PDB file of N, CA and C in Angstrom:
ATOM      1  N   MET A   1      -9.745  -2.306 -13.238  1.00  0.00           N
ATOM      2  CA  MET A   1      -8.762  -1.369 -12.603  1.00  0.00           C
ATOM      3  C   MET A   1      -7.979  -2.271 -11.567  1.00  0.00           C
ATOM      4  N   PRO A   2      -6.720  -1.506 -11.630  1.00  0.00           N
ATOM      5  CA  PRO A   2      -5.453  -2.374 -10.977  1.00  0.00           C
ATOM      6  C   PRO A   2      -5.941  -2.552  -9.359  1.00  0.00           C
ATOM      7  N   ALA A   3      -5.096  -3.131  -8.662  1.00  0.00           N
ATOM      8  CA  ALA A   3      -5.104  -3.238  -7.700  1.00  0.00           C
ATOM      9  C   ALA A   3      -3.257  -2.979  -6.916  1.00  0.00           C
ATOM     10  N   ILE A   4      -3.251  -2.128  -6.098  1.00  0.00           N
ATOM     11  CA  ILE A   4      -2.025  -1.814  -5.860  1.00  0.00           C
ATOM     12  C   ILE A   4      -1.727  -2.560  -4.503  1.00  0.00           C
ATOM     13  N   ALA A   5      -0.736  -3.032  -4.253  1.00  0.00           N
ATOM     14  CA  ALA A   5      -0.345  -3.648  -2.867  1.00  0.00           C
ATOM     15  C   ALA A   5       0.335  -2.530  -1.952  1.00  0.00           C
ATOM     16  N   VAL A   6       0.115  -2.247  -0.897  1.00  0.00           N
ATOM     17  CA  VAL A   6       1.019  -1.298  -0.152  1.00  0.00           C
ATOM     18  C   VAL A   6       1.346  -2.340   0.776  1.00  0.00           C
ATOM     19  N   GLU A   7       2.890  -2.081   0.668  1.00  0.00           N
ATOM     20  CA  GLU A   7       3.587  -3.045   1.628  1.00  0.00           C
ATOM     21  C   GLU A   7       4.460  -2.358   2.733  1.00  0.00           C
ATOM     22  N   ILE A   8       4.501  -2.449   4.025  1.00  0.00           N
ATOM     23  CA  ILE A   8       5.493  -1.800   5.129  1.00  0.00           C
ATOM     24  C   ILE A   8       6.292  -2.651   5.692  1.00  0.00           C
ATOM     25  N   GLU A   9       7.584  -2.565   5.598  1.00  0.00           N
ATOM     26  CA  GLU A   9       8.833  -3.269   6.380  1.00  0.00           C
ATOM     27  C   GLU A   9       8.995  -2.295   7.767  1.00  0.00           C
ATOM     28  N   ASN A  10       8.850  -2.878   8.811  1.00  0.00           N
ATOM     29  CA  ASN A  10       9.658  -2.221   9.873  1.00  0.00           C
ATOM     30  C   ASN A  10      11.049  -2.538  10.004  1.00  0.00           C
ATOM     31  N   LYS A  11      12.011  -1.632  11.073  1.00  0.00           N
ATOM     32  CA  LYS A  11      13.092  -1.910  10.961  1.00  0.00           C
ATOM     33  C   LYS A  11      13.839  -3.307  11.654  1.00  0.00           C
ATOM     34  N   THR A  12      13.037  -4.386  12.249  1.00  0.00           N
ATOM     35  CA  THR A  12      12.996  -5.763  12.404  1.00  0.00           C
ATOM     36  C   THR A  12      12.901  -6.276  11.483  1.00  0.00           C
ATOM     37  N   GLY A  13      12.731  -5.885  10.301  1.00  0.00           N
ATOM     38  CA  GLY A  13      12.531  -6.905   8.937  1.00  0.00           C
ATOM     39  C   GLY A  13      11.074  -7.385   8.934  1.00  0.00           C
ATOM     40  N   GLU A  14      10.095  -7.096   9.605  1.00  0.00           N
ATOM     41  CA  GLU A  14       8.774  -7.916   9.793  1.00  0.00           C
ATOM     42  C   GLU A  14       7.972  -6.747   8.301  1.00  0.00           C
ATOM     43  N   LYS A  15       7.376  -7.572   7.534  1.00  0.00           N
ATOM     44  CA  LYS A  15       6.747  -7.102   6.731  1.00  0.00           C
ATOM     45  C   LYS A  15       5.150  -7.354   6.535  1.00  0.00           C
ATOM     46  N   THR A  16       4.180  -6.344   6.263  1.00  0.00           N
ATOM     47  CA  THR A  16       2.923  -6.281   6.092  1.00  0.00           C
ATOM     48  C   THR A  16       2.328  -5.876   4.857  1.00  0.00           C
ATOM     49  N   LEU A  17       1.408  -6.072   4.555  1.00  0.00           N
ATOM     50  CA  LEU A  17       0.696  -5.966   3.244  1.00  0.00           C
ATOM     51  C   LEU A  17      -0.792  -5.594   3.198  1.00  0.00           C
ATOM     52  N   VAL A  18      -1.153  -4.804   2.566  1.00  0.00           N
ATOM     53  CA  VAL A  18      -2.710  -4.641   2.202  1.00  0.00           C
ATOM     54  C   VAL A  18      -2.806  -4.389   0.499  1.00  0.00           C
ATOM     55  N   TYR A  19      -3.845  -4.861   0.361  1.00  0.00           N
ATOM     56  CA  TYR A  19      -4.249  -4.062  -1.504  1.00  0.00           C
ATOM     57  C   TYR A  19      -5.141  -3.340  -1.604  1.00  0.00           C
ATOM     58  N   VAL A  20      -5.069  -2.071  -2.089  1.00  0.00           N
ATOM     59  CA  VAL A  20      -5.944  -1.295  -2.596  1.00  0.00           C
ATOM     60  C   VAL A  20      -6.610  -1.509  -3.701  1.00  0.00           C
ATOM     61  N   ARG A  21      -7.869  -1.661  -3.669  1.00  0.00           N
ATOM     62  CA  ARG A  21      -8.607  -2.210  -5.090  1.00  0.00           C
ATOM     63  C   ARG A  21      -9.063  -1.093  -5.771  1.00  0.00           C
ATOM     64  N   ASP A  22      -9.291  -1.221  -7.207  1.00  0.00           N
ATOM     65  CA  ASP A  22      -9.916  -0.097  -7.801  1.00  0.00           C
ATOM     66  C   ASP A  22      -9.054   1.196  -7.887  1.00  0.00           C
ATOM     67  N   ALA A  23      -7.661   0.937  -7.759  1.00  0.00           N
ATOM     68  CA  ALA A  23      -6.968   2.305  -8.011  1.00  0.00           C
ATOM     69  C   ALA A  23      -6.918   2.623  -9.560  1.00  0.00           C
ATOM     70  N   GLY A  24      -7.727   3.687  -9.700  1.00  0.00           N
ATOM     71  CA  GLY A  24      -7.893   4.104 -10.934  1.00  0.00           C
ATOM     72  C   GLY A  24      -7.849   5.624 -11.880  1.00  0.00           C
ATOM     73  N   ARG A  25      -8.784   5.983 -12.485  1.00  0.00           N
ATOM     74  CA  ARG A  25      -9.082   6.772 -13.390  1.00  0.00           C
ATOM     75  C   ARG A  25      -9.387   8.243 -12.698  1.00  0.00           C
ATOM     76  N   LYS A  26      -9.870   8.144 -11.569  1.00  0.00           N
ATOM     77  CA  LYS A  26      -9.868   9.702 -10.894  1.00  0.00           C
ATOM     78  C   LYS A  26      -9.408   9.687  -9.725  1.00  0.00           C
ATOM     79  N   TRP A  27      -9.179  11.081  -9.342  1.00  0.00           N
ATOM     80  CA  TRP A  27      -8.685  11.257  -7.924  1.00  0.00           C
ATOM     81  C   TRP A  27      -9.391  10.106  -6.782  1.00  0.00           C
ATOM     82  N   GLN A  28      -8.857   9.740  -6.212  1.00  0.00           N
ATOM     83  CA  GLN A  28      -9.677   9.251  -4.851  1.00  0.00           C
ATOM     84  C   GLN A  28      -8.737   9.106  -3.415  1.00  0.00           C
ATOM     85  N   GLN A  29      -9.496   9.406  -2.310  1.00  0.00           N
ATOM     86  CA  GLN A  29      -8.710   9.345  -1.203  1.00  0.00           C
ATOM     87  C   GLN A  29      -9.252   8.267  -0.355  1.00  0.00           C
ATOM     88  N   TYR A  30      -8.171   7.326  -0.055  1.00  0.00           N
ATOM     89  CA  TYR A  30      -8.112   6.248   0.565  1.00  0.00           C
ATOM     90  C   TYR A  30      -7.420   6.209   2.124  1.00  0.00           C
ATOM     91  N   THR A  31      -8.552   5.532   3.158  1.00  0.00           N
ATOM     92  CA  THR A  31      -7.836   5.643   4.452  1.00  0.00           C
ATOM     93  C   THR A  31      -7.499   4.061   4.939  1.00  0.00           C
ATOM     94  N   ILE A  32      -6.567   3.761   5.254  1.00  0.00           N
ATOM     95  CA  ILE A  32      -5.888   2.261   5.629  1.00  0.00           C
ATOM     96  C   ILE A  32      -5.883   1.900   7.011  1.00  0.00           C
ATOM     97  N   PRO A  33      -6.571   1.432   7.832  1.00  0.00           N
ATOM     98  CA  PRO A  33      -6.285   1.420   9.012  1.00  0.00           C
ATOM     99  C   PRO A  33      -5.065   0.371   9.096  1.00  0.00           C
ATOM    100  N   PHE A  34      -4.334   0.362   9.921  1.00  0.00           N
ATOM    101  CA  PHE A  34      -3.463  -0.529  10.420  1.00  0.00           C
ATOM    102  C   PHE A  34      -3.686  -1.858  10.656  1.00  0.00           C
ATOM    103  N   SER A  35      -4.875  -2.203  11.145  1.00  0.00           N
ATOM    104  CA  SER A  35      -5.447  -3.016  11.449  1.00  0.00           C
ATOM    105  C   SER A  35      -5.656  -4.208  10.005  1.00  0.00           C
ATOM    106  N   ASP A  36      -5.819  -3.383   8.879  1.00  0.00           N
ATOM    107  CA  ASP A  36      -5.922  -3.978   7.790  1.00  0.00           C
ATOM    108  C   ASP A  36      -5.113  -4.828   7.192  1.00  0.00           C
ATOM    109  N   PHE A  37      -3.789  -4.545   7.527  1.00  0.00           N
ATOM    110  CA  PHE A  37      -2.550  -4.911   7.080  1.00  0.00           C
ATOM    111  C   PHE A  37      -2.318  -6.325   7.690  1.00  0.00           C
ATOM    112  N   LYS A  38      -2.006  -7.393   6.542  1.00  0.00           N
ATOM    113  CA  LYS A  38      -1.513  -8.607   7.186  1.00  0.00           C
ATOM    114  C   LYS A  38      -0.555  -9.191   6.535  1.00  0.00           C
ATOM    115  N   PRO A  39       0.175  -9.823   7.428  1.00  0.00           N
ATOM    116  CA  PRO A  39       0.038 -10.363   8.640  1.00  0.00           C
ATOM    117  C   PRO A  39       0.495  -8.969   9.457  1.00  0.00           C
ATOM    118  N   ALA A  40      -0.048  -8.843  10.845  1.00  0.00           N
ATOM    119  CA  ALA A  40       0.209  -7.803  11.689  1.00  0.00           C
ATOM    120  C   ALA A  40       1.991  -8.066  12.116  1.00  0.00           C
ATOM    121  N   ILE A  41       2.648  -6.721  11.837  1.00  0.00           N
ATOM    122  CA  ILE A  41       3.600  -6.418  12.664  1.00  0.00           C
ATOM    123  C   ILE A  41       3.462  -6.258  14.157  1.00  0.00           C
ATOM    124  N   SER A  42       4.604  -6.337  14.666  1.00  0.00           N
ATOM    125  CA  SER A  42       4.706  -6.011  16.088  1.00  0.00           C
ATOM    126  C   SER A  42       5.131  -4.784  16.783  1.00  0.00           C
ATOM    127  N   ASP A  43       6.001  -4.101  15.674  1.00  0.00           N
ATOM    128  CA  ASP A  43       6.521  -2.606  16.204  1.00  0.00           C
ATOM    129  C   ASP A  43       5.934  -1.838  14.604  1.00  0.00           C
ATOM    130  N   TRP A  44       5.212  -1.018  14.942  1.00  0.00           N
ATOM    131  CA  TRP A  44       4.876   0.235  14.221  1.00  0.00           C
ATOM    132  C   TRP A  44       5.659   1.521  14.207  1.00  0.00           C
ATOM    133  N   THR A  45       6.503   1.520  15.234  1.00  0.00           N
ATOM    134  CA  THR A  45       7.157   2.955  15.884  1.00  0.00           C
ATOM    135  C   THR A  45       8.457   3.215  14.543  1.00  0.00           C
ATOM    136  N   GLN A  46       8.765   2.118  13.983  1.00  0.00           N
ATOM    137  CA  GLN A  46      10.140   2.447  13.420  1.00  0.00           C
ATOM    138  C   GLN A  46       9.903   1.800  11.912  1.00  0.00           C
ATOM    139  N   VAL A  47       9.337   2.647  11.288  1.00  0.00           N
ATOM    140  CA  VAL A  47       9.124   1.804   9.765  1.00  0.00           C
ATOM    141  C   VAL A  47      10.053   2.210   9.048  1.00  0.00           C
ATOM    142  N   LYS A  48      10.679   1.178   8.395  1.00  0.00           N
ATOM    143  CA  LYS A  48      12.062   1.431   7.280  1.00  0.00           C
ATOM    144  C   LYS A  48      11.514   1.532   5.931  1.00  0.00           C
ATOM    145  N   SER A  49      10.513   0.969   5.111  1.00  0.00           N
ATOM    146  CA  SER A  49      10.247   1.044   4.102  1.00  0.00           C
ATOM    147  C   SER A  49       8.776   1.190   3.958  1.00  0.00           C
ATOM    148  N   LEU A  50       8.198   1.993   2.761  1.00  0.00           N
ATOM    149  CA  LEU A  50       6.899   1.841   2.332  1.00  0.00           C
ATOM    150  C   LEU A  50       7.106   1.741   1.157  1.00  0.00           C
ATOM    151  N   SER A  51       6.102   0.487   0.119  1.00  0.00           N
ATOM    152  CA  SER A  51       6.233   0.491  -0.977  1.00  0.00           C
ATOM    153  C   SER A  51       4.642   0.446  -1.685  1.00  0.00           C
ATOM    154  N   PHE A  52       4.484   0.687  -2.814  1.00  0.00           N
ATOM    155  CA  PHE A  52       3.557   0.620  -3.724  1.00  0.00           C
ATOM    156  C   PHE A  52       3.671  -0.244  -5.029  1.00  0.00           C
ATOM    157  N   ILE A  53       2.907  -1.244  -5.035  1.00  0.00           N
ATOM    158  CA  ILE A  53       3.539  -2.433  -6.271  1.00  0.00           C
ATOM    159  C   ILE A  53       2.543  -2.660  -6.704  1.00  0.00           C
ATOM    160  N   VAL A  54       2.509  -2.534  -8.247  1.00  0.00           N
ATOM    161  CA  VAL A  54       1.531  -2.769  -9.011  1.00  0.00           C
ATOM    162  C   VAL A  54       1.868  -4.285  -9.515  1.00  0.00           C
ATOM    163  N   GLU A  55       1.152  -5.388  -9.428  1.00  0.00           N
ATOM    164  CA  GLU A  55       1.424  -6.644  -9.542  1.00  0.00           C
ATOM    165  C   GLU A  55       1.208  -6.964 -11.045  1.00  0.00           C
ATOM    166  N   GLU A  56       2.252  -7.636 -12.190  1.00  0.00           N
ATOM    167  CA  GLU A  56       1.624  -7.384 -13.500  1.00  0.00           C
ATOM    168  C   GLU A  56       0.380  -8.696 -13.570  1.00  0.00           C
ATOM    169  N   TRP A  57       0.460  -9.368 -12.970  1.00  0.00           N
ATOM    170  CA  TRP A  57      -0.820 -10.434 -12.843  1.00  0.00           C
ATOM    171  C   TRP A  57      -1.977  -9.937 -12.606  1.00  0.00           C
ATOM    172  N   ASN A  58      -1.750  -8.785 -11.832  1.00  0.00           N
ATOM    173  CA  ASN A  58      -2.770  -8.161 -11.077  1.00  0.00           C
ATOM    174  C   ASN A  58      -3.412  -7.064 -11.564  1.00  0.00           C
ATOM    175  N   SER A  59      -2.981  -6.555 -12.769  1.00  0.00           N
ATOM    176  CA  SER A  59      -3.190  -5.265 -13.530  1.00  0.00           C
ATOM    177  C   SER A  59      -3.753  -5.826 -14.803  1.00  0.00           C
ATOM    178  N   PRO A  60      -5.086  -5.350 -14.920  1.00  0.00           N
ATOM    179  CA  PRO A  60      -5.309  -5.686 -16.407  1.00  0.00           C
ATOM    180  C   PRO A  60      -4.755  -4.683 -17.604  1.00  0.00           C
ATOM    181  N   ARG A  61      -4.321  -3.642 -17.280  1.00  0.00           N
ATOM    182  CA  ARG A  61      -3.882  -2.624 -18.071  1.00  0.00           C
ATOM    183  C   ARG A  61      -2.051  -2.645 -17.950  1.00  0.00           C
ATOM    184  N   LYS A  62      -1.278  -2.818 -19.025  1.00  0.00           N
ATOM    185  CA  LYS A  62       0.025  -2.955 -18.515  1.00  0.00           C
ATOM    186  C   LYS A  62       0.644  -1.650 -18.813  1.00  0.00           C
ATOM    187  N   LYS A  63       0.147  -0.445 -19.236  1.00  0.00           N
ATOM    188  CA  LYS A  63       0.748   0.583 -19.330  1.00  0.00           C
ATOM    189  C   LYS A  63      -0.188   1.700 -18.507  1.00  0.00           C
ATOM    190  N   GLY A  64       0.390   2.766 -17.927  1.00  0.00           N
ATOM    191  CA  GLY A  64      -0.626   3.892 -17.356  1.00  0.00           C
ATOM    192  C   GLY A  64       0.601   4.681 -16.157  1.00  0.00           C
ATOM    193  N   VAL A  65      -0.272   5.417 -15.251  1.00  0.00           N
ATOM    194  CA  VAL A  65       0.137   6.119 -14.214  1.00  0.00           C
ATOM    195  C   VAL A  65      -0.596   6.250 -13.313  1.00  0.00           C
ATOM    196  N   VAL A  66       0.158   6.097 -12.107  1.00  0.00           N
ATOM    197  CA  VAL A  66      -0.719   6.232 -10.862  1.00  0.00           C
ATOM    198  C   VAL A  66      -0.265   7.361 -10.185  1.00  0.00           C
ATOM    199  N   TYR A  67      -0.621   8.405  -9.538  1.00  0.00           N
ATOM    200  CA  TYR A  67       0.033   9.437  -8.804  1.00  0.00           C
ATOM    201  C   TYR A  67      -0.326   9.244  -7.314  1.00  0.00           C
ATOM    202  N   ILE A  68       0.756   9.110  -6.351  1.00  0.00           N
ATOM    203  CA  ILE A  68       0.187   9.188  -4.846  1.00  0.00           C
ATOM    204  C   ILE A  68       0.881  10.264  -4.307  1.00  0.00           C
ATOM    205  N   ASP A  69      -0.262  10.850  -3.425  1.00  0.00           N
ATOM    206  CA  ASP A  69       0.130  12.176  -2.909  1.00  0.00           C
ATOM    207  C   ASP A  69      -0.492  12.301  -1.483  1.00  0.00           C
ATOM    208  N   ASN A  70       0.244  12.933  -0.635  1.00  0.00           N
ATOM    209  CA  ASN A  70      -0.109  13.285   0.866  1.00  0.00           C
ATOM    210  C   ASN A  70      -0.271  11.925   1.684  1.00  0.00           C
ATOM    211  N   ILE A  71       0.591  11.183   1.791  1.00  0.00           N
ATOM    212  CA  ILE A  71       0.915   9.769   2.726  1.00  0.00           C
ATOM    213  C   ILE A  71       1.045  10.268   4.075  1.00  0.00           C
ATOM    214  N   ARG A  72       0.119   9.891   4.685  1.00  0.00           N
ATOM    215  CA  ARG A  72       0.423  10.583   6.311  1.00  0.00           C
ATOM    216  C   ARG A  72       0.073   9.034   7.158  1.00  0.00           C
ATOM    217  N   PHE A  73       0.549   9.048   8.498  1.00  0.00           N
ATOM    218  CA  PHE A  73       0.545   8.081   9.325  1.00  0.00           C
ATOM    219  C   PHE A  73      -0.158   8.724  10.452  1.00  0.00           C
ATOM    220  N   LEU A  74      -1.339   8.061  10.917  1.00  0.00           N
ATOM    221  CA  LEU A  74      -1.865   8.864  12.116  1.00  0.00           C
ATOM    222  C   LEU A  74      -2.462   7.879  13.261  1.00  0.00           C
ATOM    223  N   ARG A  75      -2.366   8.066  14.307  1.00  0.00           N
ATOM    224  CA  ARG A  75      -2.673   7.439  15.557  1.00  0.00           C
ATOM    225  C   ARG A  75      -3.925   7.935  15.823  1.00  0.00           C
TER     226      ARG A  75
END
């Protein structure tokens, strides 16, 4: 199963990343604490972008579909 990189960039240009492992064949719910993102960023109040990245080197299958739904940021 592929790993999906979740990358967040804030308004000051700081970027942070975490990998979600085994994103795959069935619907699953994931909870990712902000503390899991590395490197830590200093300001979470103004997120500029949220990216989901499937890296070719990290994906055994070269075709497929990943559905992403109901993204929430909670304190």
